[in-house]
Amino acid sequence: MEAVDRAVKLHEVMRLVGLGRTKVYELTARGEFPPQAKLGARVAAWWLSDINQWLAARRAGGAA
């Protein structure tokens, strides 16, 4: 069975990566963290697959 990607909101991103709100937005602005996906006019989230790839790169010693 194929895994389904899902959108995760900021509070869950912070829990998954162990960073605070400000740091997540700083890294995003510098292009060092996955960008948000606009889901609606006032709703944005991150794709879980992008967060997992970012974590895997960190674990492997990469900065991307």
PDB file of N, CA and C in Angstrom:
ATOM      1  N   MET A   1       0.841  -1.186   0.000  1.00  0.00           N
ATOM      2  CA  MET A   1       0.000   0.000   0.000  1.00  0.00           C
ATOM      3  C   MET A   1       0.883   1.246   0.000  1.00  0.00           C
ATOM      4  N   GLU A   2       0.548   2.201  -0.801  1.00  0.00           N
ATOM      5  CA  GLU A   2       1.322   3.433  -0.940  1.00  0.00           C
ATOM      6  C   GLU A   2       0.961   4.420   0.174  1.00  0.00           C
ATOM      7  N   ALA A   3       1.989   5.028   0.761  1.00  0.00           N
ATOM      8  CA  ALA A   3       1.760   6.018   1.814  1.00  0.00           C
ATOM      9  C   ALA A   3       1.153   7.280   1.214  1.00  0.00           C
ATOM     10  N   VAL A   4       0.245   7.887   1.944  1.00  0.00           N
ATOM     11  CA  VAL A   4      -0.418   9.109   1.497  1.00  0.00           C
ATOM     12  C   VAL A   4       0.246  10.295   2.180  1.00  0.00           C
ATOM     13  N   ASP A   5       0.633  11.285   1.383  1.00  0.00           N
ATOM     14  CA  ASP A   5       1.206  12.499   1.937  1.00  0.00           C
ATOM     15  C   ASP A   5       0.081  13.321   2.555  1.00  0.00           C
ATOM     16  N   ARG A   6       0.420  14.094   3.572  1.00  0.00           N
ATOM     17  CA  ARG A   6      -0.607  14.942   4.183  1.00  0.00           C
ATOM     18  C   ARG A   6       0.002  16.270   4.573  1.00  0.00           C
ATOM     19  N   ALA A   7      -0.850  17.248   4.704  1.00  0.00           N
ATOM     20  CA  ALA A   7      -0.431  18.587   5.106  1.00  0.00           C
ATOM     21  C   ALA A   7      -0.385  18.651   6.623  1.00  0.00           C
ATOM     22  N   VAL A   8       0.668  19.285   7.153  1.00  0.00           N
ATOM     23  CA  VAL A   8       0.789  19.449   8.597  1.00  0.00           C
ATOM     24  C   VAL A   8       0.908  20.932   8.932  1.00  0.00           C
ATOM     25  N   LYS A   9       0.220  21.322   9.970  1.00  0.00           N
ATOM     26  CA  LYS A   9       0.216  22.725  10.403  1.00  0.00           C
ATOM     27  C   LYS A   9       1.453  23.006  11.251  1.00  0.00           C
ATOM     28  N   LEU A  10       1.675  24.269  11.538  1.00  0.00           N
ATOM     29  CA  LEU A  10       2.878  24.722  12.218  1.00  0.00           C
ATOM     30  C   LEU A  10       3.128  24.001  13.539  1.00  0.00           C
ATOM     31  N   HIS A  11       2.107  23.838  14.369  1.00  0.00           N
ATOM     32  CA  HIS A  11       2.331  23.212  15.674  1.00  0.00           C
ATOM     33  C   HIS A  11       2.891  21.798  15.539  1.00  0.00           C
ATOM     34  N   GLU A  12       2.441  21.076  14.533  1.00  0.00           N
ATOM     35  CA  GLU A  12       2.954  19.722  14.320  1.00  0.00           C
ATOM     36  C   GLU A  12       4.360  19.758  13.720  1.00  0.00           C
ATOM     37  N   VAL A  13       4.622  20.703  12.824  1.00  0.00           N
ATOM     38  CA  VAL A  13       5.974  20.860  12.267  1.00  0.00           C
ATOM     39  C   VAL A  13       6.950  21.135  13.402  1.00  0.00           C
ATOM     40  N   MET A  14       6.590  22.022  14.305  1.00  0.00           N
ATOM     41  CA  MET A  14       7.461  22.353  15.427  1.00  0.00           C
ATOM     42  C   MET A  14       7.731  21.117  16.288  1.00  0.00           C
ATOM     43  N   ARG A  15       6.725  20.318  16.521  1.00  0.00           N
ATOM     44  CA  ARG A  15       6.880  19.098  17.308  1.00  0.00           C
ATOM     45  C   ARG A  15       7.780  18.093  16.594  1.00  0.00           C
ATOM     46  N   LEU A  16       7.608  17.960  15.283  1.00  0.00           N
ATOM     47  CA  LEU A  16       8.381  16.988  14.510  1.00  0.00           C
ATOM     48  C   LEU A  16       9.858  17.347  14.421  1.00  0.00           C
ATOM     49  N   VAL A  17      10.161  18.625  14.234  1.00  0.00           N
ATOM     50  CA  VAL A  17      11.556  19.022  13.998  1.00  0.00           C
ATOM     51  C   VAL A  17      12.247  19.574  15.238  1.00  0.00           C
ATOM     52  N   GLY A  18      11.500  19.868  16.290  1.00  0.00           N
ATOM     53  CA  GLY A  18      12.102  20.350  17.524  1.00  0.00           C
ATOM     54  C   GLY A  18      12.558  21.799  17.463  1.00  0.00           C
ATOM     55  N   LEU A  19      11.962  22.573  16.597  1.00  0.00           N
ATOM     56  CA  LEU A  19      12.293  23.993  16.471  1.00  0.00           C
ATOM     57  C   LEU A  19      11.080  24.828  16.848  1.00  0.00           C
ATOM     58  N   GLY A  20      11.335  26.058  17.254  1.00  0.00           N
ATOM     59  CA  GLY A  20      10.256  26.981  17.575  1.00  0.00           C
ATOM     60  C   GLY A  20       9.729  27.683  16.339  1.00  0.00           C
ATOM     61  N   ARG A  21       8.642  28.380  16.521  1.00  0.00           N
ATOM     62  CA  ARG A  21       7.959  29.100  15.442  1.00  0.00           C
ATOM     63  C   ARG A  21       8.900  30.058  14.710  1.00  0.00           C
ATOM     64  N   THR A  22       9.614  30.878  15.462  1.00  0.00           N
ATOM     65  CA  THR A  22      10.485  31.878  14.854  1.00  0.00           C
ATOM     66  C   THR A  22      11.573  31.232  14.016  1.00  0.00           C
ATOM     67  N   LYS A  23      12.190  30.174  14.543  1.00  0.00           N
ATOM     68  CA  LYS A  23      13.272  29.503  13.821  1.00  0.00           C
ATOM     69  C   LYS A  23      12.751  28.852  12.541  1.00  0.00           C
ATOM     70  N   VAL A  24      11.579  28.245  12.585  1.00  0.00           N
ATOM     71  CA  VAL A  24      10.991  27.639  11.385  1.00  0.00           C
ATOM     72  C   VAL A  24      10.818  28.698  10.305  1.00  0.00           C
ATOM     73  N   TYR A  25      10.264  29.848  10.679  1.00  0.00           N
ATOM     74  CA  TYR A  25      10.041  30.907   9.696  1.00  0.00           C
ATOM     75  C   TYR A  25      11.351  31.539   9.224  1.00  0.00           C
ATOM     76  N   GLU A  26      12.342  31.661  10.102  1.00  0.00           N
ATOM     77  CA  GLU A  26      13.654  32.180   9.686  1.00  0.00           C
ATOM     78  C   GLU A  26      14.295  31.259   8.651  1.00  0.00           C
ATOM     79  N   LEU A  27      14.310  29.960   8.941  1.00  0.00           N
ATOM     80  CA  LEU A  27      14.907  28.991   8.010  1.00  0.00           C
ATOM     81  C   LEU A  27      14.147  28.960   6.691  1.00  0.00           C
ATOM     82  N   THR A  28      12.830  29.066   6.747  1.00  0.00           N
ATOM     83  CA  THR A  28      12.018  29.083   5.534  1.00  0.00           C
ATOM     84  C   THR A  28      12.360  30.307   4.681  1.00  0.00           C
ATOM     85  N   ALA A  29      12.481  31.461   5.320  1.00  0.00           N
ATOM     86  CA  ALA A  29      12.791  32.699   4.602  1.00  0.00           C
ATOM     87  C   ALA A  29      14.162  32.635   3.931  1.00  0.00           C
ATOM     88  N   ARG A  30      15.099  31.910   4.559  1.00  0.00           N
ATOM     89  CA  ARG A  30      16.445  31.774   3.990  1.00  0.00           C
ATOM     90  C   ARG A  30      16.543  30.630   2.986  1.00  0.00           C
ATOM     91  N   GLY A  31      15.448  29.919   2.766  1.00  0.00           N
ATOM     92  CA  GLY A  31      15.457  28.810   1.821  1.00  0.00           C
ATOM     93  C   GLY A  31      16.107  27.554   2.381  1.00  0.00           C
ATOM     94  N   GLU A  32      16.232  27.460   3.700  1.00  0.00           N
ATOM     95  CA  GLU A  32      16.879  26.326   4.348  1.00  0.00           C
ATOM     96  C   GLU A  32      15.878  25.353   4.970  1.00  0.00           C
ATOM     97  N   PHE A  33      14.617  25.586   4.732  1.00  0.00           N
ATOM     98  CA  PHE A  33      13.543  24.740   5.264  1.00  0.00           C
ATOM     99  C   PHE A  33      12.469  24.672   4.186  1.00  0.00           C
ATOM    100  N   PRO A  34      11.748  23.576   4.114  1.00  0.00           N
ATOM    101  CA  PRO A  34      10.708  23.462   3.066  1.00  0.00           C
ATOM    102  C   PRO A  34       9.701  24.614   3.124  1.00  0.00           C
ATOM    103  N   PRO A  35       9.281  25.088   1.982  1.00  0.00           N
ATOM    104  CA  PRO A  35       8.292  26.180   1.953  1.00  0.00           C
ATOM    105  C   PRO A  35       6.900  25.673   2.318  1.00  0.00           C
ATOM    106  N   GLN A  36       6.081  26.588   2.758  1.00  0.00           N
ATOM    107  CA  GLN A  36       4.685  26.260   3.041  1.00  0.00           C
ATOM    108  C   GLN A  36       3.923  26.082   1.739  1.00  0.00           C
ATOM    109  N   ALA A  37       2.862  25.311   1.816  1.00  0.00           N
ATOM    110  CA  ALA A  37       1.940  25.161   0.698  1.00  0.00           C
ATOM    111  C   ALA A  37       0.672  25.926   1.051  1.00  0.00           C
ATOM    112  N   LYS A  38       0.230  26.808   0.157  1.00  0.00           N
ATOM    113  CA  LYS A  38      -1.011  27.542   0.389  1.00  0.00           C
ATOM    114  C   LYS A  38      -2.179  26.596   0.113  1.00  0.00           C
ATOM    115  N   LEU A  39      -3.008  26.385   1.116  1.00  0.00           N
ATOM    116  CA  LEU A  39      -4.163  25.501   0.982  1.00  0.00           C
ATOM    117  C   LEU A  39      -5.456  26.280   0.777  1.00  0.00           C
ATOM    118  N   GLY A  40      -5.395  27.553   1.048  1.00  0.00           N
ATOM    119  CA  GLY A  40      -6.558  28.415   0.905  1.00  0.00           C
ATOM    120  C   GLY A  40      -6.119  29.852   1.069  1.00  0.00           C
ATOM    121  N   ALA A  41      -7.057  30.761   1.065  1.00  0.00           N
ATOM    122  CA  ALA A  41      -6.731  32.178   1.167  1.00  0.00           C
ATOM    123  C   ALA A  41      -6.004  32.511   2.468  1.00  0.00           C
ATOM    124  N   ARG A  42      -6.364  31.844   3.558  1.00  0.00           N
ATOM    125  CA  ARG A  42      -5.763  32.135   4.853  1.00  0.00           C
ATOM    126  C   ARG A  42      -5.204  30.899   5.541  1.00  0.00           C
ATOM    127  N   VAL A  43      -4.963  29.846   4.759  1.00  0.00           N
ATOM    128  CA  VAL A  43      -4.482  28.588   5.340  1.00  0.00           C
ATOM    129  C   VAL A  43      -3.238  28.121   4.602  1.00  0.00           C
ATOM    130  N   ALA A  44      -2.200  27.831   5.374  1.00  0.00           N
ATOM    131  CA  ALA A  44      -0.965  27.303   4.809  1.00  0.00           C
ATOM    132  C   ALA A  44      -0.475  26.177   5.710  1.00  0.00           C
ATOM    133  N   ALA A  45       0.223  25.237   5.124  1.00  0.00           N
ATOM    134  CA  ALA A  45       0.764  24.112   5.870  1.00  0.00           C
ATOM    135  C   ALA A  45       1.981  23.593   5.118  1.00  0.00           C
ATOM    136  N   TRP A  46       2.641  22.631   5.694  1.00  0.00           N
ATOM    137  CA  TRP A  46       3.787  21.986   5.052  1.00  0.00           C
ATOM    138  C   TRP A  46       3.382  20.573   4.682  1.00  0.00           C
ATOM    139  N   TRP A  47       3.978  20.051   3.611  1.00  0.00           N
ATOM    140  CA  TRP A  47       3.752  18.657   3.249  1.00  0.00           C
ATOM    141  C   TRP A  47       4.655  17.792   4.122  1.00  0.00           C
ATOM    142  N   LEU A  48       4.082  16.769   4.717  1.00  0.00           N
ATOM    143  CA  LEU A  48       4.819  15.898   5.622  1.00  0.00           C
ATOM    144  C   LEU A  48       6.018  15.267   4.916  1.00  0.00           C
ATOM    145  N   SER A  49       5.869  14.919   3.654  1.00  0.00           N
ATOM    146  CA  SER A  49       6.981  14.318   2.915  1.00  0.00           C
ATOM    147  C   SER A  49       8.163  15.284   2.814  1.00  0.00           C
ATOM    148  N   ASP A  50       7.896  16.590   2.647  1.00  0.00           N
ATOM    149  CA  ASP A  50       8.965  17.589   2.597  1.00  0.00           C
ATOM    150  C   ASP A  50       9.680  17.688   3.945  1.00  0.00           C
ATOM    151  N   ILE A  51       8.917  17.648   5.029  1.00  0.00           N
ATOM    152  CA  ILE A  51       9.504  17.705   6.369  1.00  0.00           C
ATOM    153  C   ILE A  51      10.366  16.466   6.607  1.00  0.00           C
ATOM    154  N   ASN A  52       9.858  15.298   6.219  1.00  0.00           N
ATOM    155  CA  ASN A  52      10.624  14.062   6.405  1.00  0.00           C
ATOM    156  C   ASN A  52      11.908  14.061   5.583  1.00  0.00           C
ATOM    157  N   GLN A  53      11.865  14.603   4.371  1.00  0.00           N
ATOM    158  CA  GLN A  53      13.079  14.706   3.553  1.00  0.00           C
ATOM    159  C   GLN A  53      14.083  15.653   4.200  1.00  0.00           C
ATOM    160  N   TRP A  54      13.613  16.763   4.750  1.00  0.00           N
ATOM    161  CA  TRP A  54      14.482  17.717   5.421  1.00  0.00           C
ATOM    162  C   TRP A  54      15.150  17.059   6.632  1.00  0.00           C
ATOM    163  N   LEU A  55      14.362  16.321   7.414  1.00  0.00           N
ATOM    164  CA  LEU A  55      14.917  15.627   8.574  1.00  0.00           C
ATOM    165  C   LEU A  55      15.943  14.574   8.152  1.00  0.00           C
ATOM    166  N   ALA A  56      15.659  13.841   7.089  1.00  0.00           N
ATOM    167  CA  ALA A  56      16.590  12.817   6.605  1.00  0.00           C
ATOM    168  C   ALA A  56      17.906  13.450   6.156  1.00  0.00           C
ATOM    169  N   ALA A  57      17.836  14.605   5.508  1.00  0.00           N
ATOM    170  CA  ALA A  57      19.048  15.297   5.078  1.00  0.00           C
ATOM    171  C   ALA A  57      19.850  15.754   6.293  1.00  0.00           C
ATOM    172  N   ARG A  58      19.179  16.216   7.324  1.00  0.00           N
ATOM    173  CA  ARG A  58      19.861  16.631   8.560  1.00  0.00           C
ATOM    174  C   ARG A  58      20.548  15.418   9.200  1.00  0.00           C
ATOM    175  N   ARG A  59      19.844  14.303   9.242  1.00  0.00           N
ATOM    176  CA  ARG A  59      20.390  13.096   9.836  1.00  0.00           C
ATOM    177  C   ARG A  59      21.625  12.623   9.067  1.00  0.00           C
ATOM    178  N   ALA A  60      21.602  12.803   7.759  1.00  0.00           N
ATOM    179  CA  ALA A  60      22.710  12.382   6.906  1.00  0.00           C
ATOM    180  C   ALA A  60      23.867  13.383   6.930  1.00  0.00           C
ATOM    181  N   GLY A  61      23.675  14.513   7.602  1.00  0.00           N
ATOM    182  CA  GLY A  61      24.733  15.500   7.698  1.00  0.00           C
ATOM    183  C   GLY A  61      24.653  16.611   6.683  1.00  0.00           C
ATOM    184  N   GLY A  62      23.594  16.633   5.877  1.00  0.00           N
ATOM    185  CA  GLY A  62      23.427  17.692   4.882  1.00  0.00           C
ATOM    186  C   GLY A  62      22.715  18.891   5.475  1.00  0.00           C
ATOM    187  N   ALA A  63      22.788  19.998   4.797  1.00  0.00           N
ATOM    188  CA  ALA A  63      22.136  21.226   5.269  1.00  0.00           C
ATOM    189  C   ALA A  63      20.848  21.528   4.541  1.00  0.00           C
ATOM    190  N   ALA A  64      20.482  20.720   3.558  1.00  0.00           N
ATOM    191  CA  ALA A  64      19.299  21.025   2.743  1.00  0.00           C
ATOM    192  C   ALA A  64      18.039  20.474   3.325  1.00  0.00           C
TER     193      ALA A  64
END
